[in-house]
C-alpha cells in the first residue's frame, strides 16, 4: 500500500486525476468510428478541459476491441434501468391518454388498432431506445477512461498520469470492466484488477459488462418489436360454445401454430443462444486459467515495472504495522501514539533479506493473485452476470417487452375488433367487463409468465449441443430443433392456460380450475428454478479471506 500512498500524493499535488462526464465518455467512444472513417487521427483526449476531482467509476477495458461496442456497453450499464422505467411510464401514459379520449376501456377499441398499437407499442419502444442510447446525459457521476482522461500530446505528463493510474483505481467507488476476448490477455487490464482487488471494500464495487450483452439485448428487443408489429390487428376466432371441451379445443386450436413454424422461428433463437453460451464460456475459461505471467503488454519495458508493483501491492511484508491501543493509557500519554501507516521495512531493504524470512517470494505472491482471479473474482463475476446458462429475469423482460405490449393492445382493442360486445359474444361471455377482465388475465398475466420461461429454457437446451457437438453447423441444426421444441412446449402450455381460463370464466368447473392452478404452479416453480437459484451472492470479505 506504500506504493499507492506515494502515487496518490503525487497525483493530488499535480491534480492528475481529471475524470469526465458520462456524455463525454460515451460520445468519445462512439464517435471514434466516424473519426476513423474520415481518416482523423487522435484518440479524443480532453484532459485540458476536464476539472480535477476523484472519479466515481473507473472504466477498465482493452484497446483491442471496437470503441463503438464499448460505448454501447457503457450505455447498457448506465441506462438500462432508466430505459425500462421510462418505457413503462410511457406505456401507462399512453393508456391514460387513450382512456381520456375514448372515455372507457371498452371505448379504446373504437379508436382503431393502428392508433392503439402506435400509442402502446410505438411510444414505449421509442422511449426505451432513446433513453437506452442517451439517458446518460442526465447522470452526474464522473468516469475515468484512459483515452479521454490521459493527455496524449505531452509525453512527460502522460507518463506521470499512467504512473498514478493505480491511485485512480483505488480512489474510485466502482470499477466497470468492459470485457472482450482480449481483456484478460492484457497486462494493464490485469494490473488494474490487481489494484482494485487490493483496495475494494464492497461487494458491488466490481461491475462487469461483457461487450456481447448489449448487442444481444438489443437484438432480442428488435426481433420482439417486429413480432409485435406483425400482431397488430389480428382478430380472434369465434369460440364453439357447445361444451367445456369444445370451448377449450376451439380456443386452443385457433391460436396454436403449425409445428414447422416453431422450428423455422427457432433458427435465430438458436444462433443467439449459442453465441451467448460460447462468449460466456470463453470469458469464464479465461478467468479459470488466468496467469499474470502470460499477459501481453504492448511495451515490454512496462512488464517488469507492472509486475513489481503487483508484487508490492500484495506483499504482506509491506503492509502497515498493527497498532493496539489499550484502554488504561492515560490521555496525557496518547500523544505518543502515531497514525503512521508506513511499513516497517522498505521494498529495497526487503529485497536483500527476504530469502531468510518466511515471507512469500515474488513468484508466490503472483500465484496468490492468480488464485484470487481464478477463485473469488470468478465467483464475484458469476454472481454479477450468472453462469453461462443463466439469463436474468430483467433481460428476459426487456427482450420480450414489445410482445407484452402487443398483448396489451390485444386487450384494449378487444381482440382486433372495434366492437367489444361482438368479441364478448364470440367467446361466450355474459358481459363486456367480464370478457375484458378475463382477456387481461390471459394476455397480461399468463402470457408473460410463460413466455419469459422460453429464453432460459432455450439456453439450457442449446448448452447440450455446445457441450456434446463440436461442428458449428451441427450445433445450429441441433440447437434449432431443441429450441423449436421449447417454443412448441411453452406455447402449448400458454394456449392450454388460455383455454382453461376461458372455460373457468364462462362455464365454471372445479376440475378445470384445478388444471389451471396446477399449470400456474408449474410455471412458478420453473421461475424459481431458472431465475432465482442461479444467482449466487458471496460476501466479498469472505472471498478475499479465502484468497489471502
Protein backbone atom coordinates (compact mmCIF):
# COMPACT_ATOMS: atom_id res chain seq x y z
CA UNK A 1 0.00 0.00 0.00
CA UNK A 2 3.04 2.27 0.35
CA UNK A 3 3.17 2.42 -3.46
CA UNK A 4 -0.41 3.66 -3.64
CA UNK A 5 0.17 6.26 -0.93
CA UNK A 6 3.17 7.68 -2.76
CA UNK A 7 1.36 7.78 -6.10
CA UNK A 8 -1.75 9.32 -4.55
CA UNK A 9 0.30 12.11 -3.01
CA UNK A 10 1.90 12.89 -6.39
CA UNK A 11 -1.44 12.74 -8.21
CA UNK A 12 -3.14 15.06 -5.71
CA UNK A 13 -0.27 17.51 -5.77
CA UNK A 14 -0.24 17.82 -9.57
CA UNK A 15 -4.03 17.35 -9.99
CA UNK A 16 -3.54 14.48 -12.41
CA UNK A 17 -6.92 12.79 -11.92
CA UNK A 18 -9.42 14.53 -14.20
CA UNK A 19 -12.50 12.36 -14.76
CA UNK A 20 -15.10 13.08 -17.44
CA UNK A 21 -18.87 13.04 -17.54
CA UNK A 22 -20.80 10.08 -18.94
CA UNK A 23 -21.82 12.01 -22.05
CA UNK A 24 -18.18 12.86 -22.86
CA UNK A 25 -17.08 9.25 -22.38
CA UNK A 26 -19.87 7.73 -24.49
CA UNK A 27 -19.63 10.30 -27.29
CA UNK A 28 -15.86 9.85 -27.46
CA UNK A 29 -16.17 6.08 -27.75
CA UNK A 30 -18.94 6.16 -30.33
CA UNK A 31 -17.54 8.99 -32.47
CA UNK A 32 -14.21 7.20 -32.87
CA UNK A 33 -15.84 5.17 -35.66
CA UNK A 34 -16.60 8.40 -37.51
CA UNK A 35 -13.10 9.72 -36.95
CA UNK A 36 -11.60 6.51 -38.32
CA UNK A 37 -13.88 6.66 -41.38
CA UNK A 38 -12.84 10.26 -42.07
CA UNK A 39 -9.16 9.48 -41.50
CA UNK A 40 -8.87 11.81 -38.50
CA UNK A 41 -6.05 10.78 -36.19
CA UNK A 42 -6.10 11.12 -32.44
CA UNK A 43 -7.80 9.46 -29.50
CA UNK A 44 -10.05 12.31 -28.44
CA UNK A 45 -8.31 13.18 -25.19
CA UNK A 46 -9.97 16.10 -23.39
CA UNK A 47 -7.56 16.27 -20.48
CA UNK A 48 -7.03 20.04 -20.53
CA UNK A 49 -10.77 20.80 -20.46
CA UNK A 50 -11.54 18.49 -17.52
CA UNK A 51 -11.59 19.56 -13.87
CA UNK A 52 -9.51 17.75 -11.23
CA UNK A 53 -11.57 15.54 -8.90
CA UNK A 54 -11.99 11.94 -7.83
CA UNK A 55 -13.70 9.52 -10.20
CA UNK A 56 -16.87 7.68 -9.23
CA UNK A 57 -16.31 4.90 -11.76
CA UNK A 58 -13.03 3.69 -13.26
CA UNK A 59 -13.56 2.10 -16.68
CA UNK A 60 -11.19 -0.80 -17.34
CA UNK A 61 -11.01 -2.04 -20.92
CA UNK A 62 -8.79 -3.47 -23.62
CA UNK A 63 -7.81 -1.21 -26.51
CA UNK A 64 -8.11 -4.12 -28.95
CA UNK A 65 -11.91 -4.03 -29.16
CA UNK A 66 -14.05 -1.65 -31.24
CA UNK A 67 -14.76 1.62 -29.46
CA UNK A 68 -18.42 1.74 -30.51
CA UNK A 69 -19.03 -1.58 -28.76
CA UNK A 70 -17.51 -0.14 -25.59
CA UNK A 71 -19.73 2.92 -25.90
CA UNK A 72 -22.75 0.66 -26.25
CA UNK A 73 -21.64 -1.32 -23.18
CA UNK A 74 -21.37 1.88 -21.13
CA UNK A 75 -24.88 2.84 -22.28
CA UNK A 76 -26.11 -0.60 -21.22
CA UNK A 77 -24.50 -0.24 -17.79
CA UNK A 78 -25.78 3.28 -17.17
CA UNK A 79 -29.10 3.48 -18.99
CA UNK A 80 -30.80 0.06 -18.99
CA UNK A 81 -32.75 0.54 -15.76
CA UNK A 82 -33.76 4.07 -16.76
CA UNK A 83 -34.86 2.81 -20.18
CA UNK A 84 -37.03 0.13 -18.58
CA UNK A 85 -38.61 2.67 -16.25
CA UNK A 86 -39.23 5.23 -18.99
CA UNK A 87 -40.83 2.67 -21.32
CA UNK A 88 -43.19 1.52 -18.57
CA UNK A 89 -44.11 5.10 -17.66
CA UNK A 90 -44.72 5.84 -21.34
CA UNK A 91 -46.97 2.78 -21.56
CA UNK A 92 -49.04 3.97 -18.60
CA UNK A 93 -49.19 7.46 -20.06
CA UNK A 94 -50.37 6.03 -23.40
CA UNK A 95 -53.14 4.07 -21.68
CA UNK A 96 -54.27 7.18 -19.79
CA UNK A 97 -54.34 9.27 -22.97
CA UNK A 98 -56.36 6.62 -24.81
CA UNK A 99 -58.79 6.40 -21.90
CA UNK A 100 -59.10 10.18 -21.81
CA UNK A 101 -60.11 10.38 -25.48
CA UNK A 102 -62.30 7.24 -25.51
CA UNK A 103 -63.96 7.61 -22.12
CA UNK A 104 -63.73 3.92 -21.11
CA UNK A 105 -61.67 0.76 -21.54
CA UNK A 106 -64.16 -0.71 -23.98
CA UNK A 107 -64.21 2.57 -25.90
CA UNK A 108 -60.48 2.37 -26.66
CA UNK A 109 -61.14 -0.36 -29.24
CA UNK A 110 -63.21 2.07 -31.31
CA UNK A 111 -60.14 4.25 -31.86
CA UNK A 112 -58.71 1.62 -34.22
CA UNK A 113 -55.90 -0.92 -33.93
CA UNK A 114 -53.43 1.34 -35.74
CA UNK A 115 -53.80 4.20 -33.26
CA UNK A 116 -53.85 1.91 -30.23
CA UNK A 117 -50.83 -0.04 -31.50
CA UNK A 118 -48.89 3.13 -32.25
CA UNK A 119 -49.59 4.55 -28.80
CA UNK A 120 -48.94 1.37 -26.82
CA UNK A 121 -46.11 -0.15 -28.88
CA UNK A 122 -44.54 2.69 -30.85
CA UNK A 123 -44.28 5.18 -27.99
CA UNK A 124 -42.83 2.83 -25.34
CA UNK A 125 -40.37 1.25 -27.78
CA UNK A 126 -39.21 4.70 -28.89
CA UNK A 127 -38.89 5.85 -25.28
CA UNK A 128 -36.84 2.77 -24.41
CA UNK A 129 -34.40 3.25 -27.29
CA UNK A 130 -33.98 7.00 -26.71
CA UNK A 131 -33.22 6.56 -23.01
CA UNK A 132 -31.07 3.48 -23.65
CA UNK A 133 -28.80 5.42 -26.00
CA UNK A 134 -28.95 8.92 -24.47
CA UNK A 135 -30.13 8.62 -20.86
CA UNK A 136 -26.59 9.04 -19.53
CA UNK A 137 -26.67 12.79 -20.27
CA UNK A 138 -28.64 13.17 -17.02
CA UNK A 139 -26.13 11.20 -14.93
CA UNK A 140 -23.87 13.29 -12.70
CA UNK A 141 -21.25 10.66 -11.93
CA UNK A 142 -17.65 11.13 -13.04
CA UNK A 143 -15.84 8.47 -15.06
CA UNK A 144 -12.14 7.85 -15.65
CA UNK A 145 -11.37 6.45 -19.10
CA UNK A 146 -7.77 6.47 -20.28
CA UNK A 147 -8.47 7.52 -23.88
CA UNK A 148 -10.32 10.62 -22.60
CA UNK A 149 -8.58 11.44 -19.32
CA UNK A 150 -4.93 10.97 -20.34
CA UNK A 151 -3.09 13.78 -22.11
CA UNK A 152 -1.92 12.25 -25.38
CA UNK A 153 0.24 15.19 -26.52
CA UNK A 154 2.68 15.91 -23.68
CA UNK A 155 4.60 12.69 -23.18
CA UNK A 156 6.04 13.63 -19.77
CA UNK A 157 2.57 14.44 -18.41
CA UNK A 158 1.18 11.29 -19.99
CA UNK A 159 3.85 9.22 -18.22
CA UNK A 160 3.03 10.84 -14.87
CA UNK A 161 -0.69 10.12 -15.32
CA UNK A 162 -0.06 6.48 -16.22
CA UNK A 163 2.23 6.08 -13.21
CA UNK A 164 -0.56 7.45 -11.00
CA UNK A 165 -3.17 5.15 -12.55
CA UNK A 166 -3.35 2.73 -9.57
CA UNK A 167 -4.40 5.51 -7.21
CA UNK A 168 -7.19 6.47 -9.65
CA UNK A 169 -8.43 2.89 -9.40
CA UNK A 170 -8.14 2.83 -5.62
CA UNK A 171 -10.00 6.12 -5.17
CA UNK A 172 -12.91 5.16 -7.45
CA UNK A 173 -16.08 3.83 -5.85
CA UNK A 174 -16.57 1.28 -8.63
CA UNK A 175 -14.58 -0.36 -11.39
CA UNK A 176 -16.51 -1.05 -14.60
CA UNK A 177 -14.92 -3.89 -16.58
CA UNK A 178 -15.78 -3.88 -20.30
CA UNK A 179 -14.96 -7.48 -21.12
CA UNK A 180 -13.99 -8.75 -24.55
CA UNK A 181 -11.99 -11.77 -25.68
CA UNK A 182 -8.67 -9.94 -25.20
CA UNK A 183 -9.30 -8.36 -21.79
CA UNK A 184 -7.56 -10.91 -19.57
CA UNK A 185 -4.69 -11.13 -22.05
CA UNK A 186 -3.66 -7.50 -21.48
CA UNK A 187 -1.16 -6.75 -18.70
CA UNK A 188 -2.52 -3.26 -17.99
CA UNK A 189 -6.04 -4.65 -17.52
CA UNK A 190 -4.71 -7.24 -15.08
CA UNK A 191 -2.80 -4.53 -13.24
CA UNK A 192 -5.99 -2.50 -12.80
CA UNK A 193 -7.77 -5.59 -11.48
CA UNK A 194 -4.90 -6.21 -9.07
CA UNK A 195 -5.15 -2.71 -7.62
CA UNK A 196 -8.91 -2.96 -7.31
CA UNK A 197 -8.67 -6.38 -5.67
CA UNK A 198 -6.38 -4.91 -3.02
CA UNK A 199 -8.42 -1.78 -2.32
CA UNK A 200 -12.11 -2.64 -2.89
CA UNK A 201 -14.35 -2.59 0.18
CA UNK A 202 -17.86 -3.51 -1.03
CA UNK A 203 -19.48 -6.41 -2.84
CA UNK A 204 -20.83 -4.28 -5.69
CA UNK A 205 -17.65 -2.35 -6.40
CA UNK A 206 -16.81 -4.62 -9.35
CA UNK A 207 -19.23 -4.32 -12.28
CA UNK A 208 -18.64 -6.37 -15.42
CA UNK A 209 -20.41 -5.87 -18.75
CA UNK A 210 -19.50 -8.36 -21.50
CA UNK A 211 -19.43 -6.49 -24.81
CA UNK A 212 -21.78 -9.04 -26.38
CA UNK A 213 -24.51 -8.35 -23.81
CA UNK A 214 -25.88 -5.01 -25.15
CA UNK A 215 -25.89 -6.34 -28.73
CA UNK A 216 -27.64 -9.49 -27.57
CA UNK A 217 -30.22 -7.48 -25.60
CA UNK A 218 -30.94 -5.07 -28.46
CA UNK A 219 -31.23 -7.92 -30.97
CA UNK A 220 -33.88 -9.62 -28.83
CA UNK A 221 -35.67 -6.31 -28.33
CA UNK A 222 -35.77 -5.53 -32.06
CA UNK A 223 -36.97 -9.03 -33.01
CA UNK A 224 -39.72 -8.75 -30.39
CA UNK A 225 -40.68 -5.32 -31.73
CA UNK A 226 -41.06 -6.67 -35.27
CA UNK A 227 -43.11 -9.59 -33.94
CA UNK A 228 -45.35 -7.22 -32.00
CA UNK A 229 -45.86 -5.02 -35.07
CA UNK A 230 -46.95 -8.02 -37.14
CA UNK A 231 -49.52 -8.98 -34.50
CA UNK A 232 -51.36 -5.64 -34.61
CA UNK A 233 -54.90 -6.05 -35.91
CA UNK A 234 -55.16 -9.83 -35.69
CA UNK A 235 -58.64 -11.00 -34.66
CA UNK A 236 -59.59 -13.95 -32.50
CA UNK A 237 -61.80 -16.70 -33.92
CA UNK A 238 -65.33 -17.42 -32.76
CA UNK A 239 -65.44 -19.97 -29.95
CA UNK A 240 -67.55 -23.14 -30.17
CA UNK A 241 -69.80 -22.88 -27.12
CA UNK A 242 -71.47 -26.31 -27.14
CA UNK A 243 -69.48 -27.75 -24.22
CA UNK A 244 -66.48 -27.12 -22.00
CA UNK A 245 -64.36 -29.39 -24.17
CA UNK A 246 -65.39 -27.54 -27.34
CA UNK A 247 -64.61 -24.18 -25.71
CA UNK A 248 -61.14 -25.40 -24.73
CA UNK A 249 -60.46 -27.02 -28.11
CA UNK A 250 -61.61 -24.05 -30.20
CA UNK A 251 -59.58 -21.62 -28.09
CA UNK A 252 -56.51 -23.88 -28.22
CA UNK A 253 -56.54 -24.75 -31.92
CA UNK A 254 -57.45 -21.23 -33.05
CA UNK A 255 -54.21 -19.85 -31.62
CA UNK A 256 -51.66 -22.69 -31.76
CA UNK A 257 -49.35 -22.58 -34.78
CA UNK A 258 -48.23 -25.44 -37.06
CA UNK A 259 -45.15 -27.24 -35.77
CA UNK A 260 -42.90 -26.23 -38.67
CA UNK A 261 -43.38 -22.55 -37.75
CA UNK A 262 -41.73 -23.10 -34.38
CA UNK A 263 -38.68 -24.78 -35.91
CA UNK A 264 -38.26 -22.04 -38.52
CA UNK A 265 -38.55 -19.34 -35.86
CA UNK A 266 -36.10 -21.28 -33.68
CA UNK A 267 -33.18 -20.65 -36.08
CA UNK A 268 -32.38 -17.08 -34.90
CA UNK A 269 -33.12 -18.06 -31.29
CA UNK A 270 -30.63 -20.93 -31.50
CA UNK A 271 -27.98 -18.64 -33.03
CA UNK A 272 -28.45 -16.06 -30.25
CA UNK A 273 -28.24 -18.75 -27.57
CA UNK A 274 -25.15 -20.46 -28.99
CA UNK A 275 -23.32 -17.14 -29.35
CA UNK A 276 -24.18 -16.23 -25.76
CA UNK A 277 -23.02 -19.61 -24.48
CA UNK A 278 -19.74 -19.50 -26.44
CA UNK A 279 -18.85 -15.96 -25.37
CA UNK A 280 -19.71 -16.57 -21.75
CA UNK A 281 -17.76 -19.84 -21.69
CA UNK A 282 -14.74 -18.11 -23.22
CA UNK A 283 -14.86 -15.41 -20.55
CA UNK A 284 -15.08 -17.87 -17.66
CA UNK A 285 -12.37 -20.12 -19.17
CA UNK A 286 -10.01 -17.15 -19.41
CA UNK A 287 -10.62 -16.36 -15.75
CA UNK A 288 -10.28 -20.00 -14.68
CA UNK A 289 -6.87 -20.31 -16.42
CA UNK A 290 -5.66 -16.80 -15.65
CA UNK A 291 -1.92 -16.23 -15.15
CA UNK A 292 -0.40 -12.78 -14.82
CA UNK A 293 2.84 -14.01 -16.36
CA UNK A 294 1.09 -14.83 -19.66
CA UNK A 295 -0.48 -11.39 -20.08
CA UNK A 296 0.57 -9.37 -23.11
CA UNK A 297 2.00 -5.87 -23.00
CA UNK A 298 2.41 -3.53 -25.95
CA UNK A 299 5.53 -2.01 -24.39
CA UNK A 300 7.63 -4.85 -23.00
CA UNK A 301 9.56 -2.29 -20.95
CA UNK A 302 6.42 -1.83 -18.86
CA UNK A 303 6.14 -5.52 -17.98
CA UNK A 304 8.80 -5.66 -15.27
CA UNK A 305 7.59 -2.40 -13.72
CA UNK A 306 3.96 -3.54 -13.57
CA UNK A 307 4.78 -7.00 -12.21
CA UNK A 308 6.94 -5.44 -9.49
CA UNK A 309 4.12 -3.11 -8.49
CA UNK A 310 1.64 -6.00 -8.35
CA UNK A 311 4.06 -7.83 -6.06
CA UNK A 312 4.41 -4.77 -3.83
CA UNK A 313 0.63 -4.36 -3.66
CA UNK A 314 0.07 -7.90 -2.39
CA UNK A 315 3.27 -8.34 -0.39
CA UNK A 316 2.22 -8.89 3.24
CA UNK A 317 5.66 -7.74 4.38
CA UNK A 318 4.85 -4.23 3.14
CA UNK A 319 1.52 -3.98 4.95
CA UNK A 320 1.13 -1.30 7.59
CA UNK A 321 2.15 -2.40 11.12
CA UNK A 322 -0.59 -3.39 13.55
CA UNK A 323 -1.28 -0.87 16.32
CA UNK A 324 -3.09 -1.75 19.55
CA UNK A 325 -4.46 0.95 21.87
CA UNK A 326 -5.01 -0.08 25.50
CA UNK A 327 -7.91 1.47 27.35
CA UNK A 328 -5.91 2.17 30.51
CA UNK A 329 -3.45 4.50 28.79
CA UNK A 330 -3.83 7.97 30.36
CA UNK A 331 -4.95 10.70 27.98
CA UNK A 332 -1.71 12.52 28.63
CA UNK A 333 0.18 9.62 27.03
CA UNK A 334 -1.86 9.38 23.84
CA UNK A 335 0.32 11.89 22.08
CA UNK A 336 2.91 9.16 21.80
CA UNK A 337 0.54 7.10 19.65
CA UNK A 338 1.07 7.50 15.96
CA UNK A 339 -1.05 7.04 12.88
CA UNK A 340 1.96 6.28 10.75
CA UNK A 341 0.83 3.63 8.24
CA UNK A 342 4.20 3.18 6.61
CA UNK A 343 5.60 -0.38 6.52
CA UNK A 344 8.37 -1.32 8.90
CA UNK A 345 10.75 -2.09 6.06
CA UNK A 346 11.32 -0.55 2.64
CA UNK A 347 10.96 -2.62 -0.55
CA UNK A 348 14.66 -2.11 -1.28
CA UNK A 349 15.79 -3.45 2.11
CA UNK A 350 13.30 -6.31 1.98
CA UNK A 351 14.73 -7.46 -1.33
CA UNK A 352 18.11 -8.06 0.33
CA UNK A 353 17.00 -10.35 3.17
CA UNK A 354 13.65 -11.78 2.02
CA UNK A 355 15.29 -15.15 1.34
CA UNK A 356 15.94 -15.68 5.07
CA UNK A 357 12.38 -14.79 6.13
CA UNK A 358 9.08 -16.66 5.97
CA UNK A 359 7.53 -14.05 3.70
CA UNK A 360 6.37 -15.38 0.31
CA UNK A 361 8.64 -14.94 -2.68
CA UNK A 362 7.62 -12.67 -5.59
CA UNK A 363 6.59 -15.73 -7.61
CA UNK A 364 4.42 -16.94 -4.74
CA UNK A 365 2.79 -13.51 -4.47
CA UNK A 366 1.95 -13.59 -8.19
CA UNK A 367 0.50 -17.07 -7.68
CA UNK A 368 -1.67 -15.70 -4.85
CA UNK A 369 -3.01 -13.02 -7.16
CA UNK A 370 -3.65 -15.62 -9.87
CA UNK A 371 -5.58 -17.67 -7.31
CA UNK A 372 -7.66 -14.64 -6.40
CA UNK A 373 -8.64 -14.06 -10.05
CA UNK A 374 -9.41 -17.74 -10.66
CA UNK A 375 -11.41 -18.15 -7.46
CA UNK A 376 -13.01 -15.22 -5.62
CA UNK A 377 -13.01 -12.81 -8.58
CA UNK A 378 -14.52 -15.53 -10.77
CA UNK A 379 -17.25 -16.01 -8.15
CA UNK A 380 -17.91 -12.26 -7.98
CA UNK A 381 -18.29 -12.08 -11.76
CA UNK A 382 -20.55 -15.12 -11.79
CA UNK A 383 -22.65 -13.55 -9.04
CA UNK A 384 -22.96 -10.45 -11.22
CA UNK A 385 -23.77 -11.99 -14.62
CA UNK A 386 -24.61 -15.60 -13.72
CA UNK A 387 -23.26 -18.78 -15.22
CA UNK A 388 -23.26 -19.49 -18.95
CA UNK A 389 -26.78 -20.95 -18.85
CA UNK A 390 -28.23 -18.10 -16.82
CA UNK A 391 -30.08 -15.05 -18.06
CA UNK A 392 -31.67 -12.62 -15.63
CA UNK A 393 -35.40 -12.05 -15.43
CA UNK A 394 -34.74 -8.38 -16.17
CA UNK A 395 -33.07 -9.13 -19.51
CA UNK A 396 -35.83 -11.60 -20.38
CA UNK A 397 -38.41 -8.92 -19.64
CA UNK A 398 -36.57 -6.38 -21.79
CA UNK A 399 -36.24 -8.83 -24.67
CA UNK A 400 -39.95 -9.73 -24.64
CA UNK A 401 -41.37 -6.35 -23.58
CA UNK A 402 -42.64 -5.36 -27.08
CA UNK A 403 -44.52 -8.68 -27.27
CA UNK A 404 -46.12 -7.90 -23.91
CA UNK A 405 -47.12 -4.51 -25.31
CA UNK A 406 -48.83 -6.23 -28.23
CA UNK A 407 -50.75 -8.31 -25.68
CA UNK A 408 -51.89 -5.07 -24.05
CA UNK A 409 -53.03 -3.84 -27.47
CA UNK A 410 -54.98 -7.08 -27.90
CA UNK A 411 -56.77 -6.49 -24.61
CA UNK A 412 -57.66 -2.83 -25.22
CA UNK A 413 -58.57 -3.38 -28.88
CA UNK A 414 -60.90 -6.26 -27.93
CA UNK A 415 -59.04 -8.87 -30.00
CA UNK A 416 -58.78 -6.62 -33.04
CA UNK A 417 -62.47 -5.71 -33.24
CA UNK A 418 -63.83 -2.22 -32.74
CA UNK A 419 -66.96 -3.63 -31.06
CA UNK A 420 -66.11 -5.22 -27.70
CA UNK A 421 -69.62 -6.63 -27.36
CA UNK A 422 -69.11 -8.72 -30.50
CA UNK A 423 -65.85 -10.14 -29.14
CA UNK A 424 -67.55 -10.92 -25.83
CA UNK A 425 -70.41 -12.72 -27.60
CA UNK A 426 -68.00 -14.73 -29.79
CA UNK A 427 -66.24 -16.01 -26.65
CA UNK A 428 -69.43 -16.74 -24.71
CA UNK A 429 -69.15 -14.04 -22.03
CA UNK A 430 -72.18 -12.57 -20.34
CA UNK A 431 -70.79 -9.02 -20.28
CA UNK A 432 -68.06 -6.88 -21.81
CA UNK A 433 -66.47 -6.24 -18.42
CA UNK A 434 -66.18 -9.99 -17.74
CA UNK A 435 -64.70 -10.51 -21.20
CA UNK A 436 -62.10 -7.74 -20.78
CA UNK A 437 -61.11 -8.88 -17.28
CA UNK A 438 -60.60 -12.47 -18.49
CA UNK A 439 -58.76 -11.29 -21.60
CA UNK A 440 -56.48 -9.15 -19.44
CA UNK A 441 -55.72 -12.12 -17.18
CA UNK A 442 -54.85 -14.33 -20.16
CA UNK A 443 -52.73 -11.76 -22.03
CA UNK A 444 -51.16 -9.69 -19.26
CA UNK A 445 -50.56 -12.36 -16.59
CA UNK A 446 -50.47 -15.87 -18.03
CA UNK A 447 -48.80 -14.96 -21.32
CA UNK A 448 -45.80 -13.05 -19.83
CA UNK A 449 -45.46 -15.67 -17.10
CA UNK A 450 -44.89 -18.50 -19.56
CA UNK A 451 -43.22 -16.51 -22.36
CA UNK A 452 -40.32 -15.42 -20.16
CA UNK A 453 -39.51 -19.07 -19.47
CA UNK A 454 -38.68 -19.66 -23.13
CA UNK A 455 -35.29 -17.92 -23.23
CA UNK A 456 -33.63 -19.60 -20.20
CA UNK A 457 -35.05 -22.96 -21.28
CA UNK A 458 -33.61 -22.49 -24.79
CA UNK A 459 -30.23 -21.58 -23.28
CA UNK A 460 -30.20 -24.83 -21.35
CA UNK A 461 -31.32 -26.79 -24.40
CA UNK A 462 -28.58 -25.26 -26.57
CA UNK A 463 -25.97 -25.87 -23.87
CA UNK A 464 -26.46 -29.56 -24.59
CA UNK A 465 -25.45 -29.02 -28.21
CA UNK A 466 -22.37 -26.93 -27.40
CA UNK A 467 -21.31 -29.45 -24.77
CA UNK A 468 -21.51 -32.56 -26.94
CA UNK A 469 -21.25 -31.34 -30.55
CA UNK A 470 -18.14 -29.65 -31.99
CA UNK A 471 -19.29 -28.78 -35.52
CA UNK A 472 -20.88 -25.31 -35.64
CA UNK A 473 -23.34 -26.37 -38.35
CA UNK A 474 -24.47 -29.39 -36.38
CA UNK A 475 -24.75 -27.20 -33.29
CA UNK A 476 -27.06 -24.84 -35.16
CA UNK A 477 -29.13 -27.71 -36.52
CA UNK A 478 -29.49 -29.49 -33.20
CA UNK A 479 -29.97 -26.19 -31.36
CA UNK A 480 -32.75 -25.18 -33.74
CA UNK A 481 -34.56 -28.47 -33.18
CA UNK A 482 -34.28 -28.20 -29.40
CA UNK A 483 -35.23 -24.51 -29.42
CA UNK A 484 -38.22 -25.34 -31.61
CA UNK A 485 -39.32 -27.97 -29.11
CA UNK A 486 -39.01 -25.43 -26.28
CA UNK A 487 -41.06 -22.87 -28.23
CA UNK A 488 -43.66 -25.51 -29.02
CA UNK A 489 -43.88 -26.66 -25.39
CA UNK A 490 -44.16 -23.16 -23.91
CA UNK A 491 -46.77 -22.14 -26.46
CA UNK A 492 -48.81 -25.31 -25.85
CA UNK A 493 -48.71 -24.51 -22.13
CA UNK A 494 -49.78 -20.92 -22.76
CA UNK A 495 -52.63 -21.82 -25.11
CA UNK A 496 -53.78 -24.56 -22.73
CA UNK A 497 -53.96 -21.98 -19.96
CA UNK A 498 -55.97 -19.68 -22.19
CA UNK A 499 -58.42 -22.47 -22.96
CA UNK A 500 -58.78 -23.48 -19.30
CA UNK A 501 -59.18 -19.85 -18.24
CA UNK A 502 -61.93 -19.36 -20.82
CA UNK A 503 -63.77 -22.46 -19.57
CA UNK A 504 -63.48 -21.33 -15.94
CA UNK A 505 -64.74 -17.84 -16.78
CA UNK A 506 -67.68 -18.84 -18.99
CA UNK A 507 -68.72 -22.28 -17.68
CA UNK A 508 -67.12 -22.70 -14.29
CA UNK A 509 -65.84 -26.14 -13.35
CA UNK A 510 -63.75 -27.01 -10.31
CA UNK A 511 -61.75 -29.61 -12.25
CA UNK A 512 -60.81 -27.09 -14.94
CA UNK A 513 -59.83 -24.64 -12.19
CA UNK A 514 -57.59 -27.31 -10.65
CA UNK A 515 -55.90 -27.82 -14.01
CA UNK A 516 -55.40 -24.07 -14.46
CA UNK A 517 -53.98 -23.74 -10.94
CA UNK A 518 -51.61 -26.67 -11.49
CA UNK A 519 -50.24 -25.09 -14.69
CA UNK A 520 -49.63 -21.79 -12.90
CA UNK A 521 -47.85 -23.57 -10.04
CA UNK A 522 -45.66 -25.35 -12.59
CA UNK A 523 -44.67 -22.00 -14.09
CA UNK A 524 -43.88 -20.53 -10.67
CA UNK A 525 -41.64 -23.49 -9.85
CA UNK A 526 -39.83 -23.06 -13.17
CA UNK A 527 -39.44 -19.36 -12.45
CA UNK A 528 -37.83 -20.14 -9.12
CA UNK A 529 -35.52 -22.73 -10.65
CA UNK A 530 -34.47 -20.62 -13.64
CA UNK A 531 -34.29 -17.11 -12.23
CA UNK A 532 -33.52 -17.45 -8.53
CA UNK A 533 -31.25 -20.40 -7.89
CA UNK A 534 -28.66 -19.28 -10.47
CA UNK A 535 -27.76 -16.07 -8.65
CA UNK A 536 -25.08 -16.74 -6.03
CA UNK A 537 -24.39 -13.94 -3.56
CA UNK A 538 -20.99 -14.29 -1.97
CA UNK A 539 -19.72 -11.82 0.64
CA UNK A 540 -16.62 -10.08 -0.65
CA UNK A 541 -14.88 -10.19 2.71
CA UNK A 542 -15.23 -13.99 2.81
CA UNK A 543 -13.99 -14.27 -0.76
CA UNK A 544 -10.92 -12.19 -0.02
CA UNK A 545 -10.22 -14.19 3.10
CA UNK A 546 -10.26 -17.36 1.01
CA UNK A 547 -7.63 -15.93 -1.33
CA UNK A 548 -5.21 -14.43 1.20
